[in-house]
Each structure stands twice: as C-alpha cells, then as structure tokens.
Amino acid sequence: MNGTVLVVDDDPDMRELLQASLKTRGLDVVTASRLDAAVDLLRLRDVDLVLTDLMLDGESGLTLCRRVNELRPDVPVVMLAGFGTMESAVAAIRAGA
C-alpha cells in the first residue's frame, strides 16, 4: 500500500501511536501538532489523507478541515474525537470531513 497521511494531533502520544500504526501498514506519515503547522505541510507536501483530532489545543479540527477543503479539495479528512457528540459529527460533515 502506498500513500501519505498527515496526522494532526496536539497529544504527542496519540500522534506517535497513529504514526506507528499507519507505518506498519506501509503508509508514509507526516505529523503536525498545531493547525498552522498542518496548513504549512499541506502547502509543501502532497498527502493522500488528513487524519486530525477534533480539538487541537485551543484550535478546532473543523477549522483545519475547512482549510484542507480550500487548499486541497481532493484530499479526504478523517476526524477523531475522544468525546464526540452528534453535534460535533454533524459539524465535521458540514466542514467537509
């Protein structure tokens, strides 16, 4: 399997866990801990998928989802939430996840 995944999470343990798991499946992984760093990576690198947390240390994964859709509308976004609600799921879908 080929492809590059951008993992965005402010929790370093979760970032490392996701990175290790995806790499064992043959994927290339780049990571970011903040929204602005993720946007910078999207401008510099081709990625096939963005995997992001819903809450990013005072920022929203929904904002990142909107930015991905503006910059790279062909790249799907998958949102993770430790404590998701129906409202957050609907908001994620409306943001393009």
N, C-alpha and C. Protein backbone atom coordinates (compact mmCIF):
# COMPACT_ATOMS: atom_id res chain seq x y z
N MET A 1 0.85 -1.18 0.00
CA MET A 1 0.00 0.00 0.00
C MET A 1 0.90 1.24 0.00
N ASN A 2 0.59 2.18 -0.84
CA ASN A 2 1.34 3.44 -0.90
C ASN A 2 0.41 4.58 -0.51
N GLY A 3 1.01 5.66 -0.14
CA GLY A 3 0.23 6.84 0.19
C GLY A 3 0.85 7.56 1.36
N THR A 4 0.47 8.83 1.48
CA THR A 4 0.98 9.66 2.57
C THR A 4 -0.18 10.20 3.38
N VAL A 5 -0.08 10.06 4.70
CA VAL A 5 -1.11 10.52 5.62
C VAL A 5 -0.52 11.64 6.47
N LEU A 6 -1.26 12.73 6.59
CA LEU A 6 -0.91 13.80 7.52
C LEU A 6 -1.71 13.58 8.78
N VAL A 7 -1.01 13.32 9.89
CA VAL A 7 -1.63 13.12 11.20
C VAL A 7 -1.47 14.41 11.99
N VAL A 8 -2.60 14.95 12.45
CA VAL A 8 -2.58 16.20 13.21
C VAL A 8 -3.24 15.95 14.56
N ASP A 9 -2.43 16.05 15.62
CA ASP A 9 -2.95 15.87 16.98
C ASP A 9 -2.01 16.58 17.94
N ASP A 10 -2.58 17.29 18.91
CA ASP A 10 -1.74 18.01 19.87
C ASP A 10 -1.21 17.10 20.97
N ASP A 11 -1.70 15.88 21.05
CA ASP A 11 -1.22 14.91 22.04
C ASP A 11 -0.08 14.11 21.40
N PRO A 12 1.16 14.27 21.90
CA PRO A 12 2.30 13.59 21.27
C PRO A 12 2.17 12.06 21.32
N ASP A 13 1.60 11.51 22.38
CA ASP A 13 1.45 10.06 22.46
C ASP A 13 0.49 9.55 21.39
N MET A 14 -0.61 10.25 21.18
CA MET A 14 -1.57 9.84 20.15
C MET A 14 -0.96 9.97 18.76
N ARG A 15 -0.23 11.06 18.54
CA ARG A 15 0.45 11.26 17.25
C ARG A 15 1.39 10.10 16.96
N GLU A 16 2.21 9.73 17.95
CA GLU A 16 3.17 8.65 17.77
C GLU A 16 2.47 7.31 17.56
N LEU A 17 1.39 7.06 18.30
CA LEU A 17 0.64 5.82 18.14
C LEU A 17 0.05 5.70 16.73
N LEU A 18 -0.58 6.77 16.28
CA LEU A 18 -1.16 6.75 14.92
C LEU A 18 -0.07 6.61 13.87
N GLN A 19 1.03 7.33 14.04
CA GLN A 19 2.14 7.25 13.09
C GLN A 19 2.68 5.83 13.01
N ALA A 20 2.93 5.20 14.14
CA ALA A 20 3.47 3.84 14.15
C ALA A 20 2.50 2.85 13.51
N SER A 21 1.22 2.99 13.83
CA SER A 21 0.22 2.09 13.28
C SER A 21 0.09 2.22 11.76
N LEU A 22 0.09 3.44 11.28
CA LEU A 22 -0.02 3.66 9.84
C LEU A 22 1.24 3.21 9.10
N LYS A 23 2.40 3.42 9.70
CA LYS A 23 3.65 3.00 9.05
C LYS A 23 3.72 1.48 8.91
N THR A 24 3.19 0.74 9.90
CA THR A 24 3.21 -0.72 9.79
C THR A 24 2.33 -1.20 8.65
N ARG A 25 1.45 -0.35 8.18
CA ARG A 25 0.58 -0.68 7.05
C ARG A 25 1.14 -0.18 5.72
N GLY A 26 2.39 0.28 5.76
CA GLY A 26 3.08 0.68 4.54
C GLY A 26 2.83 2.10 4.09
N LEU A 27 2.25 2.92 4.94
CA LEU A 27 1.97 4.31 4.57
C LEU A 27 3.10 5.22 5.04
N ASP A 28 3.34 6.27 4.27
CA ASP A 28 4.23 7.33 4.71
C ASP A 28 3.40 8.24 5.60
N VAL A 29 4.01 8.75 6.67
CA VAL A 29 3.28 9.57 7.62
C VAL A 29 4.07 10.83 7.92
N VAL A 30 3.39 11.97 7.84
CA VAL A 30 3.94 13.24 8.32
C VAL A 30 3.02 13.70 9.43
N THR A 31 3.58 14.42 10.40
CA THR A 31 2.77 14.81 11.55
C THR A 31 2.90 16.30 11.84
N ALA A 32 1.87 16.78 12.51
CA ALA A 32 1.86 18.16 12.99
C ALA A 32 1.08 18.19 14.30
N SER A 33 1.47 19.13 15.17
CA SER A 33 0.78 19.23 16.46
C SER A 33 -0.16 20.43 16.52
N ARG A 34 -0.05 21.31 15.51
CA ARG A 34 -0.86 22.53 15.50
C ARG A 34 -1.47 22.75 14.13
N LEU A 35 -2.54 23.52 14.12
CA LEU A 35 -3.25 23.82 12.87
C LEU A 35 -2.34 24.53 11.87
N ASP A 36 -1.61 25.55 12.31
CA ASP A 36 -0.78 26.30 11.37
C ASP A 36 0.33 25.44 10.78
N ALA A 37 0.90 24.54 11.58
CA ALA A 37 1.93 23.64 11.06
C ALA A 37 1.34 22.67 10.04
N ALA A 38 0.12 22.21 10.29
CA ALA A 38 -0.54 21.31 9.34
C ALA A 38 -0.80 22.01 8.01
N VAL A 39 -1.26 23.24 8.07
CA VAL A 39 -1.52 24.01 6.85
C VAL A 39 -0.22 24.22 6.08
N ASP A 40 0.86 24.53 6.78
CA ASP A 40 2.16 24.68 6.12
C ASP A 40 2.57 23.40 5.41
N LEU A 41 2.38 22.25 6.07
CA LEU A 41 2.71 20.97 5.45
C LEU A 41 1.86 20.71 4.21
N LEU A 42 0.59 21.08 4.27
CA LEU A 42 -0.29 20.89 3.11
C LEU A 42 0.16 21.71 1.92
N ARG A 43 0.77 22.85 2.19
CA ARG A 43 1.27 23.69 1.10
C ARG A 43 2.56 23.13 0.50
N LEU A 44 3.31 22.38 1.31
CA LEU A 44 4.63 21.90 0.88
C LEU A 44 4.65 20.47 0.38
N ARG A 45 3.71 19.65 0.83
CA ARG A 45 3.77 18.22 0.55
C ARG A 45 2.46 17.73 -0.04
N ASP A 46 2.58 16.72 -0.85
CA ASP A 46 1.38 16.02 -1.33
C ASP A 46 1.00 14.99 -0.29
N VAL A 47 -0.25 15.00 0.12
CA VAL A 47 -0.76 13.99 1.03
C VAL A 47 -2.03 13.40 0.44
N ASP A 48 -2.31 12.17 0.83
CA ASP A 48 -3.49 11.47 0.32
C ASP A 48 -4.65 11.48 1.30
N LEU A 49 -4.35 11.79 2.56
CA LEU A 49 -5.37 11.77 3.61
C LEU A 49 -4.89 12.63 4.77
N VAL A 50 -5.83 13.34 5.39
CA VAL A 50 -5.55 14.07 6.63
C VAL A 50 -6.36 13.40 7.73
N LEU A 51 -5.66 13.03 8.80
CA LEU A 51 -6.27 12.42 9.97
C LEU A 51 -6.05 13.38 11.12
N THR A 52 -7.12 13.99 11.65
CA THR A 52 -6.97 15.04 12.64
C THR A 52 -7.89 14.85 13.83
N ASP A 53 -7.42 15.34 14.96
CA ASP A 53 -8.23 15.37 16.16
C ASP A 53 -9.24 16.51 16.03
N LEU A 54 -10.37 16.36 16.68
CA LEU A 54 -11.38 17.41 16.66
C LEU A 54 -10.93 18.64 17.44
N MET A 55 -10.26 18.42 18.57
CA MET A 55 -9.78 19.52 19.40
C MET A 55 -8.25 19.58 19.34
N LEU A 56 -7.72 20.72 18.94
CA LEU A 56 -6.27 20.89 18.78
C LEU A 56 -5.76 22.02 19.67
N ASP A 57 -5.64 21.78 20.95
CA ASP A 57 -5.04 22.73 21.89
C ASP A 57 -5.51 24.16 21.64
N GLY A 58 -6.79 24.39 21.83
CA GLY A 58 -7.35 25.73 21.66
C GLY A 58 -7.78 26.04 20.24
N GLU A 59 -7.52 25.13 19.33
CA GLU A 59 -7.95 25.30 17.95
C GLU A 59 -8.90 24.16 17.61
N SER A 60 -9.55 24.27 16.49
CA SER A 60 -10.52 23.26 16.11
C SER A 60 -10.08 22.48 14.88
N GLY A 61 -10.25 21.18 14.96
CA GLY A 61 -10.02 20.34 13.80
C GLY A 61 -10.98 20.69 12.67
N LEU A 62 -12.14 21.27 13.03
CA LEU A 62 -13.09 21.71 12.00
C LEU A 62 -12.50 22.82 11.15
N THR A 63 -11.77 23.71 11.79
CA THR A 63 -11.09 24.78 11.04
C THR A 63 -10.07 24.18 10.09
N LEU A 64 -9.33 23.19 10.57
CA LEU A 64 -8.36 22.52 9.70
C LEU A 64 -9.07 21.85 8.54
N CYS A 65 -10.19 21.21 8.81
CA CYS A 65 -10.95 20.55 7.75
C CYS A 65 -11.35 21.54 6.66
N ARG A 66 -11.83 22.70 7.09
CA ARG A 66 -12.20 23.74 6.11
C ARG A 66 -10.99 24.19 5.30
N ARG A 67 -9.85 24.36 5.97
CA ARG A 67 -8.63 24.79 5.27
C ARG A 67 -8.16 23.74 4.28
N VAL A 68 -8.25 22.47 4.65
CA VAL A 68 -7.89 21.39 3.71
C VAL A 68 -8.79 21.46 2.49
N ASN A 69 -10.07 21.66 2.71
CA ASN A 69 -11.01 21.73 1.58
C ASN A 69 -10.75 22.93 0.69
N GLU A 70 -10.24 24.02 1.25
CA GLU A 70 -9.88 25.19 0.44
C GLU A 70 -8.60 24.95 -0.35
N LEU A 71 -7.58 24.41 0.34
CA LEU A 71 -6.26 24.25 -0.27
C LEU A 71 -6.14 23.00 -1.14
N ARG A 72 -6.75 21.92 -0.69
CA ARG A 72 -6.60 20.62 -1.36
C ARG A 72 -7.93 19.89 -1.35
N PRO A 73 -8.90 20.34 -2.14
CA PRO A 73 -10.25 19.75 -2.09
C PRO A 73 -10.29 18.27 -2.45
N ASP A 74 -9.23 17.75 -3.06
CA ASP A 74 -9.18 16.34 -3.43
C ASP A 74 -8.73 15.45 -2.28
N VAL A 75 -8.30 16.02 -1.16
CA VAL A 75 -7.76 15.25 -0.04
C VAL A 75 -8.86 15.03 1.00
N PRO A 76 -9.19 13.76 1.29
CA PRO A 76 -10.19 13.49 2.32
C PRO A 76 -9.66 13.77 3.72
N VAL A 77 -10.58 14.11 4.62
CA VAL A 77 -10.24 14.38 6.01
C VAL A 77 -11.03 13.44 6.90
N VAL A 78 -10.33 12.78 7.83
CA VAL A 78 -10.97 11.94 8.83
C VAL A 78 -10.74 12.60 10.17
N MET A 79 -11.83 12.81 10.91
CA MET A 79 -11.75 13.47 12.22
C MET A 79 -11.86 12.43 13.32
N LEU A 80 -11.01 12.59 14.35
CA LEU A 80 -11.05 11.75 15.54
C LEU A 80 -11.54 12.60 16.71
N ALA A 81 -12.32 12.00 17.59
CA ALA A 81 -12.79 12.73 18.76
C ALA A 81 -12.84 11.79 19.94
N GLY A 82 -12.20 12.19 21.03
CA GLY A 82 -12.23 11.39 22.23
C GLY A 82 -13.60 11.39 22.87
N PHE A 83 -14.31 12.50 22.75
CA PHE A 83 -15.63 12.63 23.36
C PHE A 83 -16.56 13.29 22.35
N GLY A 84 -16.81 12.61 21.26
CA GLY A 84 -17.64 13.18 20.21
C GLY A 84 -19.11 13.19 20.57
N THR A 85 -19.81 14.11 19.95
CA THR A 85 -21.26 14.22 20.11
C THR A 85 -21.88 14.20 18.72
N MET A 86 -23.19 14.06 18.69
CA MET A 86 -23.89 14.12 17.40
C MET A 86 -23.67 15.47 16.75
N GLU A 87 -23.67 16.54 17.56
CA GLU A 87 -23.46 17.88 17.02
C GLU A 87 -22.07 18.02 16.40
N SER A 88 -21.04 17.46 17.07
CA SER A 88 -19.70 17.57 16.51
C SER A 88 -19.57 16.72 15.25
N ALA A 89 -20.27 15.59 15.20
CA ALA A 89 -20.24 14.77 13.99
C ALA A 89 -20.89 15.50 12.82
N VAL A 90 -22.00 16.14 13.06
CA VAL A 90 -22.68 16.92 12.02
C VAL A 90 -21.81 18.08 11.58
N ALA A 91 -21.19 18.77 12.54
CA ALA A 91 -20.31 19.89 12.20
C ALA A 91 -19.14 19.42 11.36
N ALA A 92 -18.58 18.26 11.67
CA ALA A 92 -17.45 17.72 10.90
C ALA A 92 -17.88 17.43 9.46
N ILE A 93 -19.04 16.85 9.30
CA ILE A 93 -19.53 16.54 7.95
C ILE A 93 -19.78 17.84 7.18
N ARG A 94 -20.34 18.81 7.83
CA ARG A 94 -20.58 20.11 7.15
C ARG A 94 -19.28 20.80 6.79
N ALA A 95 -18.22 20.55 7.57
CA ALA A 95 -16.92 21.17 7.29
C ALA A 95 -16.18 20.41 6.18
N GLY A 96 -16.69 19.24 5.80
CA GLY A 96 -16.09 18.51 4.70
C GLY A 96 -15.41 17.22 5.08
N ALA A 97 -15.50 16.82 6.34
CA ALA A 97 -14.86 15.55 6.75
C ALA A 97 -15.66 14.37 6.24
